[in-house]
Amino acid sequence: MDLLDKEKGLKQARDQAIEYLDSISSNYDNSKDTEIEKKIMQILSGQEKALEQLDSHVNELKQIENEIGQELQIKREELQRAEKRLESIQHAAPSHQSELYQYESELANIYRIYVEKIRNHDYLQSKLEKYQKLEEFTKKNLKVLIEENKNNEQKNFHDQKEIIDIQEPDDDNNKGDEGEDLDGEFDEDDEHF
């Protein structure tokens, strides 16, 4: 397009060049004139060919522009039809739409209950684990306490036995059958602990 705009200025320059060459050629003989005219004609034919190519290129671009414009118009019409179709589909509710909404609300309610039960299950599971750990800890402590009490009772029993042995006179008469029975009874009690 720029070259076509410049063509007017170029044409004037060409005309001036031709006039200049004509004036120069009048000073030369005719054989040289014919050579100059041939060269000028070659230059002019080359310029005319370039101009024709530019014109054909411009025509091709206009044709492409028209094709693109037509395609664009077709796409716009398709878009408008699609938007109208979408609107009609959105506004037209199917006959089972109310039933669908009812099932969706029921499903939401069932899901809420499910989530609540899962939370309760997890909470109760954690409480059960804490209770089991506490029970295990209590059993261990209880065993330790029972063992300590048993040891303390045995120690107290032996201490009392020693005290009783110390308090008893060392007679041979007192030490008879009764002493053996008492020792036997204490041995039996020791086994129970």
N, C-alpha and C. Protein backbone atom coordinates (compact mmCIF):
# COMPACT_ATOMS: atom_id res chain seq x y z
N MET A 1 0.83 -1.19 0.00
CA MET A 1 0.00 0.00 0.00
C MET A 1 0.87 1.26 0.00
N ASP A 2 1.97 1.22 0.74
CA ASP A 2 2.85 2.39 0.80
C ASP A 2 3.46 2.67 -0.57
N LEU A 3 3.77 1.60 -1.28
CA LEU A 3 4.37 1.78 -2.60
C LEU A 3 3.39 2.43 -3.57
N LEU A 4 2.10 2.08 -3.42
CA LEU A 4 1.10 2.71 -4.29
C LEU A 4 0.96 4.19 -3.98
N ASP A 5 1.05 4.52 -2.70
CA ASP A 5 0.98 5.94 -2.33
C ASP A 5 2.18 6.71 -2.90
N LYS A 6 3.31 6.08 -2.95
CA LYS A 6 4.52 6.75 -3.45
C LYS A 6 4.57 6.79 -4.98
N GLU A 7 3.68 6.00 -5.60
CA GLU A 7 3.70 5.89 -7.06
C GLU A 7 3.50 7.26 -7.74
N LYS A 8 2.66 8.11 -7.19
CA LYS A 8 2.42 9.44 -7.80
C LYS A 8 3.72 10.24 -7.85
N GLY A 9 4.44 10.25 -6.75
CA GLY A 9 5.71 10.97 -6.70
C GLY A 9 6.74 10.34 -7.62
N LEU A 10 6.74 9.00 -7.66
CA LEU A 10 7.69 8.30 -8.52
C LEU A 10 7.38 8.57 -10.01
N LYS A 11 6.09 8.66 -10.33
CA LYS A 11 5.71 8.94 -11.72
C LYS A 11 6.22 10.30 -12.16
N GLN A 12 6.12 11.29 -11.29
CA GLN A 12 6.63 12.62 -11.62
C GLN A 12 8.14 12.57 -11.81
N ALA A 13 8.82 11.82 -10.93
CA ALA A 13 10.28 11.70 -11.05
C ALA A 13 10.64 11.02 -12.36
N ARG A 14 9.88 9.98 -12.71
CA ARG A 14 10.14 9.30 -13.98
C ARG A 14 9.93 10.25 -15.17
N ASP A 15 8.85 11.03 -15.11
CA ASP A 15 8.59 11.97 -16.22
C ASP A 15 9.72 12.99 -16.35
N GLN A 16 10.18 13.47 -15.20
CA GLN A 16 11.28 14.45 -15.24
C GLN A 16 12.55 13.80 -15.82
N ALA A 17 12.78 12.56 -15.42
CA ALA A 17 13.97 11.85 -15.93
C ALA A 17 13.85 11.66 -17.45
N ILE A 18 12.66 11.37 -17.91
CA ILE A 18 12.46 11.19 -19.36
C ILE A 18 12.69 12.50 -20.09
N GLU A 19 12.16 13.57 -19.55
CA GLU A 19 12.36 14.88 -20.19
C GLU A 19 13.85 15.24 -20.22
N TYR A 20 14.52 14.96 -19.12
CA TYR A 20 15.95 15.25 -19.05
C TYR A 20 16.71 14.42 -20.08
N LEU A 21 16.36 13.17 -20.17
CA LEU A 21 17.01 12.29 -21.12
C LEU A 21 16.71 12.72 -22.57
N ASP A 22 15.50 13.18 -22.80
CA ASP A 22 15.15 13.67 -24.15
C ASP A 22 15.99 14.88 -24.53
N SER A 23 16.17 15.76 -23.56
CA SER A 23 16.96 16.96 -23.85
C SER A 23 18.42 16.59 -24.10
N ILE A 24 18.91 15.62 -23.35
CA ILE A 24 20.29 15.19 -23.54
C ILE A 24 20.42 14.46 -24.87
N SER A 25 19.44 13.68 -25.19
CA SER A 25 19.52 12.87 -26.40
C SER A 25 19.45 13.74 -27.67
N SER A 26 18.90 14.89 -27.59
CA SER A 26 18.86 15.75 -28.76
C SER A 26 20.26 16.21 -29.13
N ASN A 27 21.15 16.23 -28.19
CA ASN A 27 22.54 16.63 -28.43
C ASN A 27 23.35 15.47 -29.02
N TYR A 28 22.89 14.24 -28.84
CA TYR A 28 23.61 13.08 -29.35
C TYR A 28 23.02 12.63 -30.67
N ASP A 29 23.69 11.74 -31.30
CA ASP A 29 23.17 11.23 -32.57
C ASP A 29 22.07 10.21 -32.33
N ASN A 30 21.43 9.79 -33.37
CA ASN A 30 20.25 8.95 -33.30
C ASN A 30 20.55 7.53 -32.81
N SER A 31 21.69 7.02 -33.04
CA SER A 31 22.02 5.66 -32.59
C SER A 31 22.08 5.62 -31.07
N LYS A 32 22.62 6.64 -30.51
CA LYS A 32 22.67 6.69 -29.06
C LYS A 32 21.28 6.94 -28.51
N ASP A 33 20.51 7.70 -29.29
CA ASP A 33 19.14 7.97 -28.84
C ASP A 33 18.34 6.66 -28.74
N THR A 34 18.53 5.83 -29.69
CA THR A 34 17.78 4.58 -29.67
C THR A 34 18.20 3.69 -28.50
N GLU A 35 19.46 3.70 -28.14
CA GLU A 35 19.93 2.92 -26.98
C GLU A 35 19.33 3.47 -25.69
N ILE A 36 19.33 4.80 -25.60
CA ILE A 36 18.78 5.42 -24.40
C ILE A 36 17.29 5.14 -24.32
N GLU A 37 16.62 5.23 -25.44
CA GLU A 37 15.18 4.95 -25.44
C GLU A 37 14.92 3.50 -25.04
N LYS A 38 15.75 2.58 -25.51
CA LYS A 38 15.59 1.18 -25.16
C LYS A 38 15.75 0.98 -23.65
N LYS A 39 16.76 1.62 -23.10
CA LYS A 39 16.99 1.48 -21.65
C LYS A 39 15.83 2.09 -20.86
N ILE A 40 15.38 3.24 -21.36
CA ILE A 40 14.25 3.89 -20.67
C ILE A 40 13.02 2.99 -20.78
N MET A 41 12.81 2.42 -21.91
CA MET A 41 11.66 1.54 -22.10
C MET A 41 11.77 0.30 -21.20
N GLN A 42 13.00 -0.21 -21.05
CA GLN A 42 13.21 -1.36 -20.15
C GLN A 42 12.87 -0.97 -18.71
N ILE A 43 13.36 0.21 -18.34
CA ILE A 43 13.09 0.67 -16.96
C ILE A 43 11.59 0.86 -16.78
N LEU A 44 10.95 1.47 -17.75
CA LEU A 44 9.50 1.69 -17.65
C LEU A 44 8.74 0.37 -17.62
N SER A 45 9.13 -0.59 -18.44
CA SER A 45 8.43 -1.89 -18.44
C SER A 45 8.65 -2.60 -17.09
N GLY A 46 9.86 -2.47 -16.54
CA GLY A 46 10.14 -3.07 -15.22
C GLY A 46 9.27 -2.43 -14.14
N GLN A 47 9.12 -1.11 -14.22
CA GLN A 47 8.29 -0.40 -13.25
C GLN A 47 6.81 -0.79 -13.43
N GLU A 48 6.39 -0.93 -14.67
CA GLU A 48 5.00 -1.32 -14.92
C GLU A 48 4.73 -2.73 -14.40
N LYS A 49 5.70 -3.64 -14.58
CA LYS A 49 5.55 -5.00 -14.05
C LYS A 49 5.47 -4.99 -12.53
N ALA A 50 6.33 -4.19 -11.90
CA ALA A 50 6.30 -4.08 -10.44
C ALA A 50 4.96 -3.53 -9.98
N LEU A 51 4.45 -2.53 -10.74
CA LEU A 51 3.16 -1.93 -10.40
C LEU A 51 2.04 -2.96 -10.56
N GLU A 52 2.09 -3.75 -11.61
CA GLU A 52 1.10 -4.79 -11.82
C GLU A 52 1.15 -5.83 -10.70
N GLN A 53 2.38 -6.20 -10.29
CA GLN A 53 2.53 -7.15 -9.17
C GLN A 53 1.94 -6.58 -7.89
N LEU A 54 2.21 -5.31 -7.64
CA LEU A 54 1.65 -4.66 -6.44
C LEU A 54 0.13 -4.65 -6.51
N ASP A 55 -0.40 -4.33 -7.68
CA ASP A 55 -1.86 -4.32 -7.83
C ASP A 55 -2.44 -5.70 -7.58
N SER A 56 -1.81 -6.72 -8.16
CA SER A 56 -2.31 -8.09 -7.95
C SER A 56 -2.19 -8.48 -6.47
N HIS A 57 -1.10 -8.08 -5.81
CA HIS A 57 -0.92 -8.38 -4.38
C HIS A 57 -2.00 -7.68 -3.54
N VAL A 58 -2.29 -6.42 -3.90
CA VAL A 58 -3.34 -5.67 -3.19
C VAL A 58 -4.68 -6.36 -3.39
N ASN A 59 -4.96 -6.80 -4.61
CA ASN A 59 -6.22 -7.49 -4.88
C ASN A 59 -6.32 -8.79 -4.08
N GLU A 60 -5.22 -9.53 -4.00
CA GLU A 60 -5.21 -10.77 -3.21
C GLU A 60 -5.49 -10.47 -1.74
N LEU A 61 -4.86 -9.42 -1.20
CA LEU A 61 -5.07 -9.06 0.20
C LEU A 61 -6.52 -8.65 0.44
N LYS A 62 -7.10 -7.92 -0.51
CA LYS A 62 -8.51 -7.53 -0.36
C LYS A 62 -9.40 -8.77 -0.39
N GLN A 63 -9.08 -9.72 -1.27
CA GLN A 63 -9.87 -10.94 -1.34
C GLN A 63 -9.76 -11.72 -0.03
N ILE A 64 -8.54 -11.83 0.52
CA ILE A 64 -8.34 -12.53 1.81
C ILE A 64 -9.09 -11.81 2.91
N GLU A 65 -9.04 -10.49 2.89
CA GLU A 65 -9.76 -9.70 3.90
C GLU A 65 -11.26 -9.96 3.82
N ASN A 66 -11.79 -10.01 2.60
CA ASN A 66 -13.23 -10.30 2.43
C ASN A 66 -13.57 -11.70 2.93
N GLU A 67 -12.71 -12.69 2.62
CA GLU A 67 -12.96 -14.06 3.08
C GLU A 67 -12.95 -14.13 4.60
N ILE A 68 -11.97 -13.45 5.20
CA ILE A 68 -11.89 -13.45 6.67
C ILE A 68 -13.11 -12.75 7.25
N GLY A 69 -13.53 -11.64 6.63
CA GLY A 69 -14.73 -10.94 7.10
C GLY A 69 -15.96 -11.82 7.02
N GLN A 70 -16.09 -12.60 5.92
CA GLN A 70 -17.22 -13.50 5.79
C GLN A 70 -17.17 -14.60 6.85
N GLU A 71 -15.99 -15.17 7.07
CA GLU A 71 -15.84 -16.21 8.11
C GLU A 71 -16.17 -15.64 9.48
N LEU A 72 -15.72 -14.44 9.73
CA LEU A 72 -16.00 -13.79 11.01
C LEU A 72 -17.50 -13.58 11.18
N GLN A 73 -18.17 -13.16 10.14
CA GLN A 73 -19.61 -12.96 10.20
C GLN A 73 -20.33 -14.28 10.47
N ILE A 74 -19.87 -15.35 9.80
CA ILE A 74 -20.47 -16.67 10.01
C ILE A 74 -20.28 -17.11 11.47
N LYS A 75 -19.08 -16.89 12.01
CA LYS A 75 -18.80 -17.28 13.41
C LYS A 75 -19.65 -16.46 14.37
N ARG A 76 -19.85 -15.17 14.07
CA ARG A 76 -20.70 -14.34 14.94
C ARG A 76 -22.13 -14.86 14.94
N GLU A 77 -22.64 -15.21 13.76
CA GLU A 77 -23.99 -15.75 13.67
C GLU A 77 -24.11 -17.08 14.43
N GLU A 78 -23.09 -17.93 14.31
CA GLU A 78 -23.10 -19.20 15.05
C GLU A 78 -23.08 -18.95 16.55
N LEU A 79 -22.29 -17.97 16.97
CA LEU A 79 -22.23 -17.64 18.39
C LEU A 79 -23.58 -17.13 18.89
N GLN A 80 -24.23 -16.28 18.11
CA GLN A 80 -25.55 -15.78 18.52
C GLN A 80 -26.56 -16.93 18.62
N ARG A 81 -26.52 -17.84 17.64
CA ARG A 81 -27.44 -18.98 17.70
C ARG A 81 -27.15 -19.85 18.93
N ALA A 82 -25.88 -20.06 19.20
CA ALA A 82 -25.51 -20.89 20.37
C ALA A 82 -25.95 -20.22 21.67
N GLU A 83 -25.79 -18.89 21.75
CA GLU A 83 -26.22 -18.18 22.97
C GLU A 83 -27.73 -18.26 23.14
N LYS A 84 -28.48 -18.11 22.03
CA LYS A 84 -29.94 -18.24 22.11
C LYS A 84 -30.34 -19.64 22.54
N ARG A 85 -29.67 -20.66 21.99
CA ARG A 85 -29.96 -22.04 22.36
C ARG A 85 -29.66 -22.28 23.84
N LEU A 86 -28.54 -21.73 24.31
CA LEU A 86 -28.19 -21.87 25.73
C LEU A 86 -29.23 -21.22 26.62
N GLU A 87 -29.67 -20.03 26.24
CA GLU A 87 -30.71 -19.35 27.03
C GLU A 87 -31.98 -20.17 27.08
N SER A 88 -32.38 -20.71 25.92
CA SER A 88 -33.62 -21.50 25.91
C SER A 88 -33.47 -22.77 26.75
N ILE A 89 -32.29 -23.37 26.73
CA ILE A 89 -32.06 -24.57 27.54
C ILE A 89 -32.07 -24.23 29.03
N GLN A 90 -31.47 -23.10 29.38
CA GLN A 90 -31.41 -22.71 30.80
C GLN A 90 -32.79 -22.37 31.34
N HIS A 91 -33.62 -21.79 30.53
CA HIS A 91 -34.95 -21.38 31.00
C HIS A 91 -35.95 -22.53 30.98
N ALA A 92 -35.71 -23.52 30.19
CA ALA A 92 -36.63 -24.65 30.11
C ALA A 92 -36.21 -25.70 31.13
N ALA A 93 -36.99 -25.82 32.19
CA ALA A 93 -36.70 -26.81 33.23
C ALA A 93 -37.34 -28.13 32.83
N PRO A 94 -36.62 -29.23 32.95
CA PRO A 94 -37.20 -30.53 32.62
C PRO A 94 -38.29 -30.91 33.60
N SER A 95 -39.10 -31.87 33.23
CA SER A 95 -40.25 -32.25 34.05
C SER A 95 -39.82 -32.87 35.38
N HIS A 96 -38.69 -33.49 35.42
CA HIS A 96 -38.23 -34.16 36.64
C HIS A 96 -37.29 -33.27 37.49
N GLN A 97 -37.25 -31.99 37.20
CA GLN A 97 -36.34 -31.09 37.91
C GLN A 97 -36.67 -31.01 39.41
N SER A 98 -37.96 -30.93 39.74
CA SER A 98 -38.34 -30.84 41.15
C SER A 98 -37.93 -32.11 41.90
N GLU A 99 -38.08 -33.26 41.24
CA GLU A 99 -37.67 -34.51 41.86
C GLU A 99 -36.15 -34.54 42.07
N LEU A 100 -35.42 -33.99 41.11
CA LEU A 100 -33.97 -33.91 41.24
C LEU A 100 -33.58 -33.05 42.43
N TYR A 101 -34.23 -31.90 42.60
CA TYR A 101 -33.95 -31.03 43.74
C TYR A 101 -34.25 -31.76 45.06
N GLN A 102 -35.35 -32.52 45.08
CA GLN A 102 -35.71 -33.26 46.30
C GLN A 102 -34.63 -34.29 46.63
N TYR A 103 -34.16 -35.03 45.61
CA TYR A 103 -33.12 -36.03 45.86
C TYR A 103 -31.81 -35.38 46.28
N GLU A 104 -31.51 -34.23 45.71
CA GLU A 104 -30.29 -33.52 46.09
C GLU A 104 -30.35 -33.10 47.56
N SER A 105 -31.52 -32.59 48.01
CA SER A 105 -31.64 -32.19 49.42
C SER A 105 -31.56 -33.41 50.34
N GLU A 106 -32.18 -34.53 49.93
CA GLU A 106 -32.09 -35.75 50.73
C GLU A 106 -30.64 -36.25 50.80
N LEU A 107 -29.97 -36.20 49.68
CA LEU A 107 -28.57 -36.64 49.65
C LEU A 107 -27.71 -35.76 50.55
N ALA A 108 -27.95 -34.45 50.51
CA ALA A 108 -27.20 -33.54 51.38
C ALA A 108 -27.46 -33.87 52.85
N ASN A 109 -28.70 -34.18 53.19
CA ASN A 109 -29.05 -34.52 54.57
C ASN A 109 -28.38 -35.83 54.99
N ILE A 110 -28.41 -36.83 54.10
CA ILE A 110 -27.76 -38.12 54.40
C ILE A 110 -26.26 -37.94 54.57
N TYR A 111 -25.68 -37.13 53.73
CA TYR A 111 -24.24 -36.88 53.83
C TYR A 111 -23.89 -36.18 55.14
N ARG A 112 -24.73 -35.23 55.56
CA ARG A 112 -24.50 -34.53 56.82
C ARG A 112 -24.53 -35.53 57.98
N ILE A 113 -25.52 -36.44 57.96
CA ILE A 113 -25.63 -37.46 59.01
C ILE A 113 -24.40 -38.37 58.98
N TYR A 114 -23.98 -38.75 57.79
CA TYR A 114 -22.80 -39.61 57.64
C TYR A 114 -21.56 -38.96 58.25
N VAL A 115 -21.36 -37.69 57.91
CA VAL A 115 -20.20 -36.97 58.45
C VAL A 115 -20.28 -36.89 59.97
N GLU A 116 -21.47 -36.65 60.49
CA GLU A 116 -21.65 -36.56 61.94
C GLU A 116 -21.32 -37.90 62.61
N LYS A 117 -21.77 -39.00 61.99
CA LYS A 117 -21.49 -40.32 62.56
C LYS A 117 -20.00 -40.64 62.51
N ILE A 118 -19.36 -40.26 61.43
CA ILE A 118 -17.91 -40.49 61.33
C ILE A 118 -17.18 -39.71 62.42
N ARG A 119 -17.59 -38.46 62.62
CA ARG A 119 -16.96 -37.65 63.68
C ARG A 119 -17.18 -38.29 65.04
N ASN A 120 -18.43 -38.72 65.30
CA ASN A 120 -18.72 -39.36 66.59
C ASN A 120 -17.90 -40.64 66.76
N HIS A 121 -17.81 -41.42 65.71
CA HIS A 121 -17.02 -42.65 65.77
C HIS A 121 -15.57 -42.35 66.10
N ASP A 122 -15.00 -41.37 65.42
CA ASP A 122 -13.61 -41.01 65.67
C ASP A 122 -13.42 -40.51 67.11
N TYR A 123 -14.39 -39.71 67.57
CA TYR A 123 -14.30 -39.18 68.93
C TYR A 123 -14.37 -40.32 69.95
N LEU A 124 -15.34 -41.23 69.76
CA LEU A 124 -15.49 -42.35 70.69
C LEU A 124 -14.28 -43.29 70.63
N GLN A 125 -13.74 -43.46 69.45
CA GLN A 125 -12.54 -44.29 69.29
C GLN A 125 -11.37 -43.70 70.08
N SER A 126 -11.19 -42.39 69.98
CA SER A 126 -10.09 -41.75 70.72
C SER A 126 -10.33 -41.85 72.22
N LYS A 127 -11.60 -41.69 72.65
CA LYS A 127 -11.91 -41.81 74.09
C LYS A 127 -11.64 -43.24 74.56
N LEU A 128 -12.01 -44.23 73.75
CA LEU A 128 -11.77 -45.62 74.11
C LEU A 128 -10.27 -45.89 74.25
N GLU A 129 -9.49 -45.39 73.32
CA GLU A 129 -8.04 -45.57 73.41
C GLU A 129 -7.48 -44.93 74.67
N LYS A 130 -7.96 -43.72 74.99
CA LYS A 130 -7.50 -43.07 76.23
C LYS A 130 -7.89 -43.88 77.45
N TYR A 131 -9.13 -44.39 77.46
CA TYR A 131 -9.60 -45.20 78.59
C TYR A 131 -8.77 -46.47 78.73
N GLN A 132 -8.47 -47.12 77.59
CA GLN A 132 -7.68 -48.35 77.63
C GLN A 132 -6.27 -48.07 78.15
N LYS A 133 -5.68 -46.96 77.73
CA LYS A 133 -4.35 -46.60 78.24
C LYS A 133 -4.40 -46.32 79.73
N LEU A 134 -5.45 -45.60 80.16
CA LEU A 134 -5.61 -45.30 81.58
C LEU A 134 -5.81 -46.58 82.38
N GLU A 135 -6.63 -47.49 81.85
CA GLU A 135 -6.89 -48.75 82.53
C GLU A 135 -5.60 -49.57 82.64
N GLU A 136 -4.83 -49.60 81.56
CA GLU A 136 -3.56 -50.32 81.58
C GLU A 136 -2.60 -49.72 82.60
N PHE A 137 -2.55 -48.39 82.62
CA PHE A 137 -1.69 -47.70 83.58
C PHE A 137 -2.15 -48.00 85.00
N THR A 138 -3.47 -47.97 85.20
CA THR A 138 -4.02 -48.25 86.54
C THR A 138 -3.70 -49.68 86.96
N LYS A 139 -3.84 -50.63 86.04
CA LYS A 139 -3.53 -52.03 86.38
C LYS A 139 -2.07 -52.19 86.76
N LYS A 140 -1.19 -51.54 86.00
CA LYS A 140 0.24 -51.63 86.34
C LYS A 140 0.49 -51.04 87.72
N ASN A 141 -0.08 -49.86 87.97
CA ASN A 141 0.11 -49.23 89.28
C ASN A 141 -0.49 -50.09 90.39
N LEU A 142 -1.67 -50.67 90.11
CA LEU A 142 -2.32 -51.52 91.10
C LEU A 142 -1.46 -52.75 91.40
N LYS A 143 -0.88 -53.36 90.37
CA LYS A 143 0.00 -54.51 90.59
C LYS A 143 1.20 -54.11 91.44
N VAL A 144 1.76 -52.93 91.12
CA VAL A 144 2.91 -52.46 91.89
C VAL A 144 2.51 -52.24 93.34
N LEU A 145 1.33 -51.61 93.53
CA LEU A 145 0.87 -51.36 94.91
C LEU A 145 0.60 -52.67 95.64
N ILE A 146 -0.03 -53.62 94.97
CA ILE A 146 -0.30 -54.93 95.61
C ILE A 146 1.01 -55.61 95.98
N GLU A 147 1.97 -55.55 95.09
CA GLU A 147 3.26 -56.16 95.36
C GLU A 147 3.94 -55.49 96.55
N GLU A 148 3.86 -54.14 96.55
CA GLU A 148 4.46 -53.42 97.68
C GLU A 148 3.76 -53.76 98.99
N ASN A 149 2.42 -53.82 98.97
CA ASN A 149 1.66 -54.18 100.18
C ASN A 149 2.02 -55.59 100.65
N LYS A 150 2.15 -56.50 99.69
CA LYS A 150 2.50 -57.86 100.03
C LYS A 150 3.88 -57.91 100.69
N ASN A 151 4.82 -57.19 100.08
CA ASN A 151 6.16 -57.15 100.65
C ASN A 151 6.15 -56.51 102.04
N ASN A 152 5.38 -55.42 102.16
CA ASN A 152 5.29 -54.74 103.46
C ASN A 152 4.66 -55.65 104.51
N GLU A 153 3.60 -56.39 104.14
CA GLU A 153 2.95 -57.29 105.08
C GLU A 153 3.89 -58.42 105.49
N GLN A 154 4.63 -58.94 104.49
CA GLN A 154 5.59 -59.99 104.82
C GLN A 154 6.67 -59.47 105.76
N LYS A 155 7.11 -58.26 105.45
CA LYS A 155 8.15 -57.66 106.30
C LYS A 155 7.59 -57.43 107.71
N ASN A 156 6.36 -56.89 107.77
CA ASN A 156 5.73 -56.66 109.08
C ASN A 156 5.53 -57.98 109.81
N PHE A 157 5.13 -59.00 109.08
CA PHE A 157 4.91 -60.31 109.69
C PHE A 157 6.21 -60.86 110.27
N HIS A 158 7.28 -60.76 109.49
CA HIS A 158 8.57 -61.25 109.97
C HIS A 158 9.05 -60.42 111.15
N ASP A 159 8.82 -59.10 111.09
CA ASP A 159 9.20 -58.24 112.21
C ASP A 159 8.43 -58.64 113.46
N GLN A 160 7.12 -58.89 113.29
CA GLN A 160 6.31 -59.29 114.44
C GLN A 160 6.76 -60.66 114.95
N LYS A 161 7.12 -61.52 114.07
CA LYS A 161 7.57 -62.84 114.46
C LYS A 161 8.86 -62.73 115.26
N GLU A 162 9.74 -61.88 114.80
CA GLU A 162 10.99 -61.68 115.53
C GLU A 162 10.71 -61.08 116.90
N ILE A 163 9.75 -60.13 116.91
CA ILE A 163 9.40 -59.52 118.21
C ILE A 163 8.83 -60.58 119.14
N ILE A 164 7.98 -61.44 118.59
CA ILE A 164 7.37 -62.49 119.40
C ILE A 164 8.46 -63.46 119.85
N ASP A 165 9.40 -63.80 118.99
CA ASP A 165 10.47 -64.71 119.34
C ASP A 165 11.35 -64.10 120.42
N ILE A 166 11.54 -62.77 120.32
CA ILE A 166 12.36 -62.09 121.31
C ILE A 166 11.63 -62.06 122.65
N GLN A 167 10.38 -61.87 122.64
CA GLN A 167 9.61 -61.77 123.87
C GLN A 167 9.44 -63.14 124.54
N GLU A 168 9.44 -64.19 123.84
CA GLU A 168 9.27 -65.51 124.42
C GLU A 168 10.56 -65.90 125.16
N PRO A 169 10.40 -66.49 126.30
CA PRO A 169 11.59 -66.95 126.99
C PRO A 169 12.21 -68.13 126.23
N ASP A 170 13.45 -68.30 126.45
CA ASP A 170 14.18 -69.34 125.74
C ASP A 170 14.07 -70.69 126.47
N ASP A 171 12.97 -70.92 127.13
CA ASP A 171 12.76 -72.18 127.83
C ASP A 171 12.62 -73.29 126.82
N ASP A 172 13.01 -74.44 127.30
CA ASP A 172 12.77 -75.60 126.47
C ASP A 172 11.35 -76.07 126.64
N ASN A 173 10.73 -75.78 127.77
CA ASN A 173 9.37 -76.23 128.02
C ASN A 173 8.36 -75.48 127.16
N ASN A 174 8.57 -74.23 127.02
CA ASN A 174 7.61 -73.41 126.24
C ASN A 174 7.76 -73.67 124.74
N LYS A 175 8.93 -74.15 124.41
CA LYS A 175 9.19 -74.30 123.00
C LYS A 175 8.63 -75.61 122.46
N GLY A 176 7.92 -76.32 123.11
CA GLY A 176 7.45 -77.64 122.74
C GLY A 176 6.61 -77.67 121.50
N ASP A 177 5.55 -78.44 121.59
CA ASP A 177 4.69 -78.68 120.44
C ASP A 177 3.96 -77.42 120.01
N GLU A 178 3.67 -76.54 120.96
CA GLU A 178 2.91 -75.34 120.60
C GLU A 178 3.74 -74.44 119.69
N GLY A 179 5.03 -74.33 119.95
CA GLY A 179 5.90 -73.49 119.13
C GLY A 179 5.97 -74.01 117.71
N GLU A 180 6.03 -75.33 117.60
CA GLU A 180 6.11 -75.89 116.27
C GLU A 180 4.82 -75.64 115.52
N ASP A 181 3.69 -75.75 116.27
CA ASP A 181 2.41 -75.50 115.60
C ASP A 181 2.33 -74.07 115.12
N LEU A 182 2.82 -73.15 115.98
CA LEU A 182 2.77 -71.73 115.60
C LEU A 182 3.64 -71.48 114.37
N ASP A 183 4.82 -72.07 114.37
CA ASP A 183 5.68 -71.88 113.21
C ASP A 183 5.03 -72.45 111.96
N GLY A 184 4.38 -73.57 112.09
CA GLY A 184 3.70 -74.18 110.95
C GLY A 184 2.60 -73.29 110.45
N GLU A 185 1.86 -72.66 111.42
CA GLU A 185 0.78 -71.76 110.99
C GLU A 185 1.37 -70.56 110.26
N PHE A 186 2.45 -70.02 110.73
CA PHE A 186 3.06 -68.86 110.06
C PHE A 186 3.55 -69.24 108.69
N ASP A 187 4.07 -70.43 108.56
CA ASP A 187 4.55 -70.85 107.24
C ASP A 187 3.39 -70.94 106.25
N GLU A 188 2.26 -71.43 106.75
CA GLU A 188 1.11 -71.51 105.88
C GLU A 188 0.64 -70.12 105.47
N ASP A 189 0.66 -69.18 106.41
CA ASP A 189 0.24 -67.82 106.10
C ASP A 189 1.19 -67.20 105.08
N ASP A 190 2.46 -67.48 105.21
CA ASP A 190 3.43 -66.93 104.26
C ASP A 190 3.13 -67.40 102.83
N GLU A 191 2.67 -68.61 102.73
CA GLU A 191 2.38 -69.14 101.40
C GLU A 191 1.21 -68.41 100.77
N HIS A 192 0.26 -67.94 101.62
CA HIS A 192 -0.90 -67.24 101.08
C HIS A 192 -0.53 -65.88 100.51
N PHE A 193 0.50 -65.30 101.02
CA PHE A 193 0.88 -63.96 100.55
C PHE A 193 1.57 -64.09 99.31
